[in-house]
Amino acid sequence: MTVLARVRTYGSLVAFAHTVFALPFAASAVVLSLAQPHAPPGLWRFAAMLACMVSARTSAMAFNRWADRDVDARNPRTRTRHLPVGAVRASEALALAVVAGLAFLGFAATLGFWPAVLSPAVLLVLLGYSYAKRFTWAAHAWLGVALALAPGGAWLAMGAVPNAGIVLLMVAVVSWLLGFDILYSLQDEGFDRDAGLHSIPARFGGRRALLISAGSHSVTVLALAGCGLALHRGPAYAIAVATASALLVYEHALVHRRGLKAIDRAFFDVNAWVSVAFFVLVLADELVRRFLGA
């Protein structure tokens, strides 16, 4: 296999394209931090933050595939993943996780005192998620916290002081991920229960899981609105919240109407729209504030 083909294989292993879920909210935190006292942004700072996000996610995904290789081999839905079919060796996945994790720590150390000090704990949270499903049905929330560390880390990396606004944005990300990961895990409800793995659908059943997911996404909308109020954002931000809300309603309508057949579209497409649309409108709000004095 050529080097380029191997890189593509590794990119597929860690589902590199799904970075679209985490990156826009981290980018939104960067934009929102511009109205706060912060360190001079600089091109290197932006590049280092991007490198941190990509390397941290790569480490977490590679480690997850390594840790779950036996479970994936037994699950009919996941038995065609890279490690069960031998497209990537277990040692390769683990090595990728280690190298990417060290890269994350190195890039974080360039962003200031707090990013450097907190980065090992962040990495432990990211890697620890891979074992959460083995002992708690709250693993979805653990994954949400892991994703929410991206906007929180971006805020700190910009030199902005933590406040209610960024906390509420992180709460929104936790509840957003919690809600849509519950929907995704509906596919494995029976397998998880039989295999002794923990998830909200396996613990509470599909119907209650749908209610918990809907309630979680209600928290998402409230937290996004609260973030805007705390940071005194403008009309474009309000449109961002309304758009996210409409997309989440659409996501749940898809699942209620079409069941498990709609999971992939609801999980991959709609949630990508949520994060990207939110970022675009947050950026528009900042541009209006800066150039039109709104």
C-alpha atoms as a PDB file:
ATOM      1  CA  MET A   1       0.000   0.000   0.000  1.00  0.00           C
ATOM      2  CA  THR A   2       1.331   3.442  -0.925  1.00  0.00           C
ATOM      3  CA  VAL A   3       1.884   6.132   1.684  1.00  0.00           C
ATOM      4  CA  LEU A   4      -1.058   8.138   0.321  1.00  0.00           C
ATOM      5  CA  ALA A   5      -3.326   5.103   0.461  1.00  0.00           C
ATOM      6  CA  ARG A   6      -2.251   4.403   4.044  1.00  0.00           C
ATOM      7  CA  VAL A   7      -2.965   8.020   5.038  1.00  0.00           C
ATOM      8  CA  ARG A   8      -6.415   7.704   3.471  1.00  0.00           C
ATOM      9  CA  THR A   9      -6.985   4.486   5.391  1.00  0.00           C
ATOM     10  CA  TYR A  10      -6.014   6.140   8.659  1.00  0.00           C
ATOM     11  CA  GLY A  11      -8.253   9.095   7.834  1.00  0.00           C
ATOM     12  CA  SER A  12     -11.141   6.715   7.273  1.00  0.00           C
ATOM     13  CA  LEU A  13     -10.283   4.849  10.486  1.00  0.00           C
ATOM     14  CA  VAL A  14     -10.733   7.983  12.572  1.00  0.00           C
ATOM     15  CA  ALA A  15     -13.650   9.255  10.434  1.00  0.00           C
ATOM     16  CA  PHE A  16     -11.712  12.449   9.742  1.00  0.00           C
ATOM     17  CA  ALA A  17     -14.635  13.952   7.812  1.00  0.00           C
ATOM     18  CA  HIS A  18     -16.692  13.948  11.013  1.00  0.00           C
ATOM     19  CA  THR A  19     -14.449  16.668  12.439  1.00  0.00           C
ATOM     20  CA  VAL A  20     -17.234  18.907  11.124  1.00  0.00           C
ATOM     21  CA  PHE A  21     -19.172  18.074  14.309  1.00  0.00           C
ATOM     22  CA  ALA A  22     -16.618  19.526  16.728  1.00  0.00           C
ATOM     23  CA  LEU A  23     -14.738  22.144  14.749  1.00  0.00           C
ATOM     24  CA  PRO A  24     -17.561  24.665  14.082  1.00  0.00           C
ATOM     25  CA  PHE A  25     -18.445  25.013  17.773  1.00  0.00           C
ATOM     26  CA  ALA A  26     -14.780  25.517  18.652  1.00  0.00           C
ATOM     27  CA  ALA A  27     -14.554  28.093  15.863  1.00  0.00           C
ATOM     28  CA  SER A  28     -17.706  29.744  17.231  1.00  0.00           C
ATOM     29  CA  ALA A  29     -16.008  30.031  20.625  1.00  0.00           C
ATOM     30  CA  VAL A  30     -13.055  31.737  18.941  1.00  0.00           C
ATOM     31  CA  VAL A  31     -15.381  34.242  17.243  1.00  0.00           C
ATOM     32  CA  LEU A  32     -17.320  34.895  20.442  1.00  0.00           C
ATOM     33  CA  SER A  33     -14.073  35.425  22.363  1.00  0.00           C
ATOM     34  CA  LEU A  34     -13.130  38.319  20.074  1.00  0.00           C
ATOM     35  CA  ALA A  35     -15.468  40.590  22.013  1.00  0.00           C
ATOM     36  CA  GLN A  36     -13.625  39.689  25.243  1.00  0.00           C
ATOM     37  CA  PRO A  37     -10.199  40.814  26.462  1.00  0.00           C
ATOM     38  CA  HIS A  38      -7.819  38.275  24.917  1.00  0.00           C
ATOM     39  CA  ALA A  39      -4.299  37.629  23.727  1.00  0.00           C
ATOM     40  CA  PRO A  40      -3.376  38.857  20.233  1.00  0.00           C
ATOM     41  CA  PRO A  41      -4.818  36.163  17.929  1.00  0.00           C
ATOM     42  CA  GLY A  42      -1.991  35.791  15.397  1.00  0.00           C
ATOM     43  CA  LEU A  43      -1.886  33.280  12.567  1.00  0.00           C
ATOM     44  CA  TRP A  44       0.228  30.827  14.597  1.00  0.00           C
ATOM     45  CA  ARG A  45      -2.319  30.785  17.425  1.00  0.00           C
ATOM     46  CA  PHE A  46      -5.134  29.879  15.034  1.00  0.00           C
ATOM     47  CA  ALA A  47      -2.978  27.212  13.380  1.00  0.00           C
ATOM     48  CA  ALA A  48      -1.997  25.725  16.754  1.00  0.00           C
ATOM     49  CA  MET A  49      -5.623  25.628  17.917  1.00  0.00           C
ATOM     50  CA  LEU A  50      -6.649  23.854  14.719  1.00  0.00           C
ATOM     51  CA  ALA A  51      -3.775  21.390  15.152  1.00  0.00           C
ATOM     52  CA  CYS A  52      -4.868  20.757  18.751  1.00  0.00           C
ATOM     53  CA  MET A  53      -8.428  19.968  17.728  1.00  0.00           C
ATOM     54  CA  VAL A  54      -7.468  17.687  14.865  1.00  0.00           C
ATOM     55  CA  SER A  55      -4.761  15.809  16.789  1.00  0.00           C
ATOM     56  CA  ALA A  56      -6.910  15.409  19.922  1.00  0.00           C
ATOM     57  CA  ARG A  57      -9.821  14.025  17.936  1.00  0.00           C
ATOM     58  CA  THR A  58      -7.538  11.745  15.931  1.00  0.00           C
ATOM     59  CA  SER A  59      -6.034  10.350  19.136  1.00  0.00           C
ATOM     60  CA  ALA A  60      -9.452   9.788  20.698  1.00  0.00           C
ATOM     61  CA  MET A  61     -10.929   8.102  17.616  1.00  0.00           C
ATOM     62  CA  ALA A  62      -7.922   5.862  16.996  1.00  0.00           C
ATOM     63  CA  PHE A  63      -7.887   4.829  20.658  1.00  0.00           C
ATOM     64  CA  ASN A  64     -11.633   4.166  20.542  1.00  0.00           C
ATOM     65  CA  ARG A  65     -11.250   1.873  17.543  1.00  0.00           C
ATOM     66  CA  TRP A  66      -8.400   0.064  19.331  1.00  0.00           C
ATOM     67  CA  ALA A  67     -10.292  -0.287  22.617  1.00  0.00           C
ATOM     68  CA  ASP A  68     -13.513  -1.428  20.902  1.00  0.00           C
ATOM     69  CA  ARG A  69     -11.943  -3.816  18.394  1.00  0.00           C
ATOM     70  CA  ASP A  70     -13.356  -6.939  20.064  1.00  0.00           C
ATOM     71  CA  VAL A  71     -16.801  -5.408  20.585  1.00  0.00           C
ATOM     72  CA  ASP A  72     -16.869  -4.124  17.009  1.00  0.00           C
ATOM     73  CA  ALA A  73     -16.045  -7.599  15.716  1.00  0.00           C
ATOM     74  CA  ARG A  74     -19.142  -9.034  17.457  1.00  0.00           C
ATOM     75  CA  ASN A  75     -21.583  -6.277  16.501  1.00  0.00           C
ATOM     76  CA  PRO A  76     -23.194  -6.848  13.076  1.00  0.00           C
ATOM     77  CA  ARG A  77     -23.314  -3.078  12.497  1.00  0.00           C
ATOM     78  CA  THR A  78     -19.599  -2.525  13.134  1.00  0.00           C
ATOM     79  CA  ARG A  79     -17.920  -5.795  12.182  1.00  0.00           C
ATOM     80  CA  THR A  80     -16.781  -4.303   8.848  1.00  0.00           C
ATOM     81  CA  ARG A  81     -14.747  -1.542  10.518  1.00  0.00           C
ATOM     82  CA  HIS A  82     -11.021  -1.356   9.851  1.00  0.00           C
ATOM     83  CA  LEU A  83      -9.691  -3.396  12.775  1.00  0.00           C
ATOM     84  CA  PRO A  84     -12.165  -6.305  12.653  1.00  0.00           C
ATOM     85  CA  VAL A  85     -11.522  -6.833   8.921  1.00  0.00           C
ATOM     86  CA  GLY A  86      -7.760  -6.352   9.228  1.00  0.00           C
ATOM     87  CA  ALA A  87      -7.475  -3.197   7.092  1.00  0.00           C
ATOM     88  CA  VAL A  88      -5.570  -1.632  10.008  1.00  0.00           C
ATOM     89  CA  ARG A  89      -3.648  -3.598  12.631  1.00  0.00           C
ATOM     90  CA  ALA A  90      -4.440  -3.019  16.297  1.00  0.00           C
ATOM     91  CA  SER A  91      -0.850  -1.934  16.923  1.00  0.00           C
ATOM     92  CA  GLU A  92      -1.155   0.681  14.158  1.00  0.00           C
ATOM     93  CA  ALA A  93      -4.327   2.145  15.655  1.00  0.00           C
ATOM     94  CA  LEU A  94      -2.741   2.339  19.091  1.00  0.00           C
ATOM     95  CA  ALA A  95       0.428   3.909  17.683  1.00  0.00           C
ATOM     96  CA  LEU A  96      -1.663   6.505  15.839  1.00  0.00           C
ATOM     97  CA  ALA A  97      -3.487   7.307  19.082  1.00  0.00           C
ATOM     98  CA  VAL A  98      -0.194   7.760  20.951  1.00  0.00           C
ATOM     99  CA  VAL A  99       1.452   9.913  18.260  1.00  0.00           C
ATOM    100  CA  ALA A 100      -1.624  12.107  17.824  1.00  0.00           C
ATOM    101  CA  GLY A 101      -1.991  12.441  21.602  1.00  0.00           C
ATOM    102  CA  LEU A 102       1.621  13.583  21.984  1.00  0.00           C
ATOM    103  CA  ALA A 103       1.111  16.046  19.124  1.00  0.00           C
ATOM    104  CA  PHE A 104      -1.928  17.458  20.934  1.00  0.00           C
ATOM    105  CA  LEU A 105       0.068  17.944  24.134  1.00  0.00           C
ATOM    106  CA  GLY A 106       2.865  19.609  22.197  1.00  0.00           C
ATOM    107  CA  PHE A 107       0.625  22.039  20.329  1.00  0.00           C
ATOM    108  CA  ALA A 108      -1.348  22.858  23.488  1.00  0.00           C
ATOM    109  CA  ALA A 109       1.910  23.790  25.251  1.00  0.00           C
ATOM    110  CA  THR A 110       2.431  26.572  22.698  1.00  0.00           C
ATOM    111  CA  LEU A 111      -0.897  28.234  23.511  1.00  0.00           C
ATOM    112  CA  GLY A 112      -0.158  29.415  27.032  1.00  0.00           C
ATOM    113  CA  PHE A 113      -0.018  28.288  30.629  1.00  0.00           C
ATOM    114  CA  TRP A 114      -3.560  26.988  31.122  1.00  0.00           C
ATOM    115  CA  PRO A 115      -3.826  25.081  27.826  1.00  0.00           C
ATOM    116  CA  ALA A 116      -0.481  23.432  28.627  1.00  0.00           C
ATOM    117  CA  VAL A 117      -1.477  22.548  32.205  1.00  0.00           C
ATOM    118  CA  LEU A 118      -4.963  21.294  31.365  1.00  0.00           C
ATOM    119  CA  SER A 119      -4.162  19.377  28.182  1.00  0.00           C
ATOM    120  CA  PRO A 120      -3.156  16.072  29.894  1.00  0.00           C
ATOM    121  CA  ALA A 121      -6.460  15.997  31.794  1.00  0.00           C
ATOM    122  CA  VAL A 122      -8.322  16.806  28.566  1.00  0.00           C
ATOM    123  CA  LEU A 123      -6.605  13.905  26.825  1.00  0.00           C
ATOM    124  CA  LEU A 124      -7.520  11.560  29.662  1.00  0.00           C
ATOM    125  CA  VAL A 125     -11.184  12.561  29.320  1.00  0.00           C
ATOM    126  CA  LEU A 126     -11.072  12.001  25.565  1.00  0.00           C
ATOM    127  CA  LEU A 127      -9.425   8.585  25.828  1.00  0.00           C
ATOM    128  CA  GLY A 128     -11.426   7.535  28.871  1.00  0.00           C
ATOM    129  CA  TYR A 129     -14.675   7.745  26.930  1.00  0.00           C
ATOM    130  CA  SER A 130     -13.708   4.578  25.065  1.00  0.00           C
ATOM    131  CA  TYR A 131     -14.303   2.550  28.236  1.00  0.00           C
ATOM    132  CA  ALA A 132     -17.307   4.455  29.616  1.00  0.00           C
ATOM    133  CA  LYS A 133     -19.893   2.250  27.927  1.00  0.00           C
ATOM    134  CA  ARG A 134     -18.532  -0.691  29.874  1.00  0.00           C
ATOM    135  CA  PHE A 135     -19.688   0.697  33.231  1.00  0.00           C
ATOM    136  CA  THR A 136     -22.200   3.564  32.811  1.00  0.00           C
ATOM    137  CA  TRP A 137     -25.223   4.383  30.676  1.00  0.00           C
ATOM    138  CA  ALA A 138     -24.134   8.040  30.965  1.00  0.00           C
ATOM    139  CA  ALA A 139     -21.382   7.391  28.407  1.00  0.00           C
ATOM    140  CA  HIS A 140     -23.285   9.665  25.996  1.00  0.00           C
ATOM    141  CA  ALA A 141     -22.830  12.565  28.398  1.00  0.00           C
ATOM    142  CA  TRP A 142     -19.132  11.690  28.772  1.00  0.00           C
ATOM    143  CA  LEU A 143     -18.771  11.994  25.013  1.00  0.00           C
ATOM    144  CA  GLY A 144     -20.613  15.310  25.174  1.00  0.00           C
ATOM    145  CA  VAL A 145     -18.170  16.641  27.748  1.00  0.00           C
ATOM    146  CA  ALA A 146     -15.282  15.469  25.566  1.00  0.00           C
ATOM    147  CA  LEU A 147     -16.675  17.402  22.602  1.00  0.00           C
ATOM    148  CA  ALA A 148     -17.454  20.465  24.721  1.00  0.00           C
ATOM    149  CA  LEU A 149     -13.821  20.704  25.755  1.00  0.00           C
ATOM    150  CA  ALA A 150     -13.056  21.941  22.211  1.00  0.00           C
ATOM    151  CA  PRO A 151     -14.892  25.294  22.499  1.00  0.00           C
ATOM    152  CA  GLY A 152     -13.768  25.626  26.118  1.00  0.00           C
ATOM    153  CA  GLY A 153     -10.168  25.031  25.123  1.00  0.00           C
ATOM    154  CA  ALA A 154     -10.434  27.449  22.197  1.00  0.00           C
ATOM    155  CA  TRP A 155     -11.752  30.140  24.558  1.00  0.00           C
ATOM    156  CA  LEU A 156      -8.817  29.677  26.928  1.00  0.00           C
ATOM    157  CA  ALA A 157      -6.352  29.480  24.043  1.00  0.00           C
ATOM    158  CA  MET A 158      -7.555  32.899  22.908  1.00  0.00           C
ATOM    159  CA  GLY A 159      -6.660  34.225  26.349  1.00  0.00           C
ATOM    160  CA  ALA A 160     -10.283  35.028  27.199  1.00  0.00           C
ATOM    161  CA  VAL A 161     -11.370  34.773  30.839  1.00  0.00           C
ATOM    162  CA  PRO A 162     -13.961  32.035  31.516  1.00  0.00           C
ATOM    163  CA  ASN A 163     -17.452  33.426  32.064  1.00  0.00           C
ATOM    164  CA  ALA A 164     -21.112  32.415  31.938  1.00  0.00           C
ATOM    165  CA  GLY A 165     -21.193  32.730  28.166  1.00  0.00           C
ATOM    166  CA  ILE A 166     -18.598  30.075  27.402  1.00  0.00           C
ATOM    167  CA  VAL A 167     -19.934  27.800  30.148  1.00  0.00           C
ATOM    168  CA  LEU A 168     -23.396  27.946  28.567  1.00  0.00           C
ATOM    169  CA  LEU A 169     -21.934  27.249  25.127  1.00  0.00           C
ATOM    170  CA  MET A 170     -20.209  24.172  26.557  1.00  0.00           C
ATOM    171  CA  VAL A 171     -23.470  23.063  28.206  1.00  0.00           C
ATOM    172  CA  ALA A 172     -25.157  23.445  24.814  1.00  0.00           C
ATOM    173  CA  VAL A 173     -22.535  21.228  23.175  1.00  0.00           C
ATOM    174  CA  VAL A 174     -22.788  18.582  25.918  1.00  0.00           C
ATOM    175  CA  SER A 175     -26.579  18.387  25.657  1.00  0.00           C
ATOM    176  CA  TRP A 176     -26.492  18.530  21.837  1.00  0.00           C
ATOM    177  CA  LEU A 177     -24.097  15.591  21.639  1.00  0.00           C
ATOM    178  CA  LEU A 178     -25.958  13.727  24.376  1.00  0.00           C
ATOM    179  CA  GLY A 179     -29.217  14.063  22.454  1.00  0.00           C
ATOM    180  CA  PHE A 180     -27.989  12.931  19.075  1.00  0.00           C
ATOM    181  CA  ASP A 181     -25.717  10.175  20.425  1.00  0.00           C
ATOM    182  CA  ILE A 182     -28.747   8.665  22.156  1.00  0.00           C
ATOM    183  CA  LEU A 183     -30.512   8.588  18.792  1.00  0.00           C
ATOM    184  CA  TYR A 184     -27.493   6.965  17.167  1.00  0.00           C
ATOM    185  CA  SER A 185     -27.231   4.325  19.888  1.00  0.00           C
ATOM    186  CA  LEU A 186     -30.811   3.200  19.237  1.00  0.00           C
ATOM    187  CA  GLN A 187     -29.270   1.049  16.490  1.00  0.00           C
ATOM    188  CA  ASP A 188     -27.382  -0.984  19.096  1.00  0.00           C
ATOM    189  CA  GLU A 189     -30.032  -1.189  21.812  1.00  0.00           C
ATOM    190  CA  GLY A 190     -30.422  -4.973  21.598  1.00  0.00           C
ATOM    191  CA  PHE A 191     -26.741  -5.698  21.070  1.00  0.00           C
ATOM    192  CA  ASP A 192     -25.670  -3.491  23.978  1.00  0.00           C
ATOM    193  CA  ARG A 193     -28.129  -5.180  26.310  1.00  0.00           C
ATOM    194  CA  ASP A 194     -27.036  -8.675  25.274  1.00  0.00           C
ATOM    195  CA  ALA A 195     -23.328  -7.790  25.420  1.00  0.00           C
ATOM    196  CA  GLY A 196     -23.565  -6.209  28.866  1.00  0.00           C
ATOM    197  CA  LEU A 197     -22.736  -2.749  27.529  1.00  0.00           C
ATOM    198  CA  HIS A 198     -24.404   0.365  28.893  1.00  0.00           C
ATOM    199  CA  SER A 199     -26.386   2.990  27.027  1.00  0.00           C
ATOM    200  CA  ILE A 200     -29.519   5.027  27.633  1.00  0.00           C
ATOM    201  CA  PRO A 201     -31.598   2.985  25.129  1.00  0.00           C
ATOM    202  CA  ALA A 202     -30.361  -0.279  26.668  1.00  0.00           C
ATOM    203  CA  ARG A 203     -31.109   0.982  30.187  1.00  0.00           C
ATOM    204  CA  PHE A 204     -34.410   2.809  29.667  1.00  0.00           C
ATOM    205  CA  GLY A 205     -35.757   1.437  26.391  1.00  0.00           C
ATOM    206  CA  GLY A 206     -36.215   3.105  23.026  1.00  0.00           C
ATOM    207  CA  ARG A 207     -39.319   5.160  23.839  1.00  0.00           C
ATOM    208  CA  ARG A 208     -37.862   6.719  26.972  1.00  0.00           C
ATOM    209  CA  ALA A 209     -34.544   7.249  25.192  1.00  0.00           C
ATOM    210  CA  LEU A 210     -36.351   9.352  22.569  1.00  0.00           C
ATOM    211  CA  LEU A 211     -37.868  11.493  25.321  1.00  0.00           C
ATOM    212  CA  ILE A 212     -34.496  11.934  27.023  1.00  0.00           C
ATOM    213  CA  SER A 213     -32.952  12.914  23.698  1.00  0.00           C
ATOM    214  CA  ALA A 214     -35.676  15.480  23.024  1.00  0.00           C
ATOM    215  CA  GLY A 215     -35.293  16.915  26.527  1.00  0.00           C
ATOM    216  CA  SER A 216     -31.542  17.125  26.085  1.00  0.00           C
ATOM    217  CA  HIS A 217     -31.937  19.060  22.839  1.00  0.00           C
ATOM    218  CA  SER A 218     -34.355  21.424  24.566  1.00  0.00           C
ATOM    219  CA  VAL A 219     -31.524  22.178  26.986  1.00  0.00           C
ATOM    220  CA  THR A 220     -29.270  22.791  23.978  1.00  0.00           C
ATOM    221  CA  VAL A 221     -31.536  25.520  22.624  1.00  0.00           C
ATOM    222  CA  LEU A 222     -31.943  27.159  26.041  1.00  0.00           C
ATOM    223  CA  ALA A 223     -28.195  27.080  26.667  1.00  0.00           C
ATOM    224  CA  LEU A 224     -27.410  28.593  23.254  1.00  0.00           C
ATOM    225  CA  ALA A 225     -29.932  31.351  23.919  1.00  0.00           C
ATOM    226  CA  GLY A 226     -28.454  31.925  27.371  1.00  0.00           C
ATOM    227  CA  CYS A 227     -24.968  32.134  25.884  1.00  0.00           C
ATOM    228  CA  GLY A 228     -26.139  34.870  23.526  1.00  0.00           C
ATOM    229  CA  LEU A 229     -27.759  36.828  26.351  1.00  0.00           C
ATOM    230  CA  ALA A 230     -24.702  36.472  28.589  1.00  0.00           C
ATOM    231  CA  LEU A 231     -22.394  37.721  25.830  1.00  0.00           C
ATOM    232  CA  HIS A 232     -24.805  40.419  24.567  1.00  0.00           C
ATOM    233  CA  ARG A 233     -24.944  39.096  21.026  1.00  0.00           C
ATOM    234  CA  GLY A 234     -27.055  40.579  18.245  1.00  0.00           C
ATOM    235  CA  PRO A 235     -29.889  39.576  15.862  1.00  0.00           C
ATOM    236  CA  ALA A 236     -27.782  37.230  13.724  1.00  0.00           C
ATOM    237  CA  TYR A 237     -26.976  35.227  16.837  1.00  0.00           C
ATOM    238  CA  ALA A 238     -30.693  34.974  17.609  1.00  0.00           C
ATOM    239  CA  ILE A 239     -31.197  33.614  14.090  1.00  0.00           C
ATOM    240  CA  ALA A 240     -28.408  31.095  14.795  1.00  0.00           C
ATOM    241  CA  VAL A 241     -30.300  29.813  17.839  1.00  0.00           C
ATOM    242  CA  ALA A 242     -33.580  29.664  15.918  1.00  0.00           C
ATOM    243  CA  THR A 243     -31.898  27.780  13.061  1.00  0.00           C
ATOM    244  CA  ALA A 244     -30.304  25.244  15.423  1.00  0.00           C
ATOM    245  CA  SER A 245     -33.671  24.765  17.111  1.00  0.00           C
ATOM    246  CA  ALA A 246     -35.474  24.173  13.797  1.00  0.00           C
ATOM    247  CA  LEU A 247     -32.854  21.665  12.662  1.00  0.00           C
ATOM    248  CA  LEU A 248     -33.074  19.733  15.924  1.00  0.00           C
ATOM    249  CA  VAL A 249     -36.861  19.580  15.624  1.00  0.00           C
ATOM    250  CA  TYR A 250     -36.398  18.284  12.073  1.00  0.00           C
ATOM    251  CA  GLU A 251     -33.924  15.671  13.313  1.00  0.00           C
ATOM    252  CA  HIS A 252     -36.409  14.285  15.815  1.00  0.00           C
ATOM    253  CA  ALA A 253     -39.225  14.397  13.272  1.00  0.00           C
ATOM    254  CA  LEU A 254     -37.110  12.292  10.899  1.00  0.00           C
ATOM    255  CA  VAL A 255     -36.483   9.635  13.529  1.00  0.00           C
ATOM    256  CA  HIS A 256     -40.105   9.576  14.697  1.00  0.00           C
ATOM    257  CA  ARG A 257     -41.389   9.310  11.130  1.00  0.00           C
ATOM    258  CA  ARG A 258     -38.887   6.845   9.644  1.00  0.00           C
ATOM    259  CA  GLY A 259     -37.371   5.104  12.661  1.00  0.00           C
ATOM    260  CA  LEU A 260     -33.919   3.544  12.463  1.00  0.00           C
ATOM    261  CA  LYS A 261     -33.817   4.038   8.687  1.00  0.00           C
ATOM    262  CA  ALA A 262     -33.384   7.775   9.308  1.00  0.00           C
ATOM    263  CA  ILE A 263     -30.607   7.495  11.896  1.00  0.00           C
ATOM    264  CA  ASP A 264     -27.693   8.008   9.512  1.00  0.00           C
ATOM    265  CA  ARG A 265     -29.278  11.075   7.922  1.00  0.00           C
ATOM    266  CA  ALA A 266     -30.300  12.484  11.299  1.00  0.00           C
ATOM    267  CA  PHE A 267     -26.927  11.779  12.866  1.00  0.00           C
ATOM    268  CA  PHE A 268     -24.517  12.744  10.103  1.00  0.00           C
ATOM    269  CA  ASP A 269     -26.332  15.267   7.906  1.00  0.00           C
ATOM    270  CA  VAL A 270     -28.596  17.223  10.234  1.00  0.00           C
ATOM    271  CA  ASN A 271     -26.055  17.583  13.036  1.00  0.00           C
ATOM    272  CA  ALA A 272     -23.435  18.791  10.591  1.00  0.00           C
ATOM    273  CA  TRP A 273     -25.935  21.429   9.466  1.00  0.00           C
ATOM    274  CA  VAL A 274     -26.534  22.424  13.100  1.00  0.00           C
ATOM    275  CA  SER A 275     -22.882  23.084  13.902  1.00  0.00           C
ATOM    276  CA  VAL A 276     -21.940  24.665  10.570  1.00  0.00           C
ATOM    277  CA  ALA A 277     -25.026  26.899  10.391  1.00  0.00           C
ATOM    278  CA  PHE A 278     -24.472  28.028  13.963  1.00  0.00           C
ATOM    279  CA  PHE A 279     -20.870  28.989  13.236  1.00  0.00           C
ATOM    280  CA  VAL A 280     -21.731  30.848  10.023  1.00  0.00           C
ATOM    281  CA  LEU A 281     -24.397  32.910  11.760  1.00  0.00           C
ATOM    282  CA  VAL A 282     -22.202  33.577  14.819  1.00  0.00           C
ATOM    283  CA  LEU A 283     -19.519  34.827  12.431  1.00  0.00           C
ATOM    284  CA  ALA A 284     -22.095  37.009  10.665  1.00  0.00           C
ATOM    285  CA  ASP A 285     -23.165  38.411  14.022  1.00  0.00           C
ATOM    286  CA  GLU A 286     -19.569  39.333  14.856  1.00  0.00           C
ATOM    287  CA  LEU A 287     -19.036  40.948  11.454  1.00  0.00           C
ATOM    288  CA  VAL A 288     -22.169  43.042  11.919  1.00  0.00           C
ATOM    289  CA  ARG A 289     -21.021  44.072  15.376  1.00  0.00           C
ATOM    290  CA  ARG A 290     -17.581  45.086  14.156  1.00  0.00           C
ATOM    291  CA  PHE A 291     -18.316  46.753  10.851  1.00  0.00           C
ATOM    292  CA  LEU A 292     -21.819  48.126  11.297  1.00  0.00           C
ATOM    293  CA  GLY A 293     -21.556  49.011  14.963  1.00  0.00           C
ATOM    294  CA  ALA A 294     -24.550  46.850  15.811  1.00  0.00           C
END
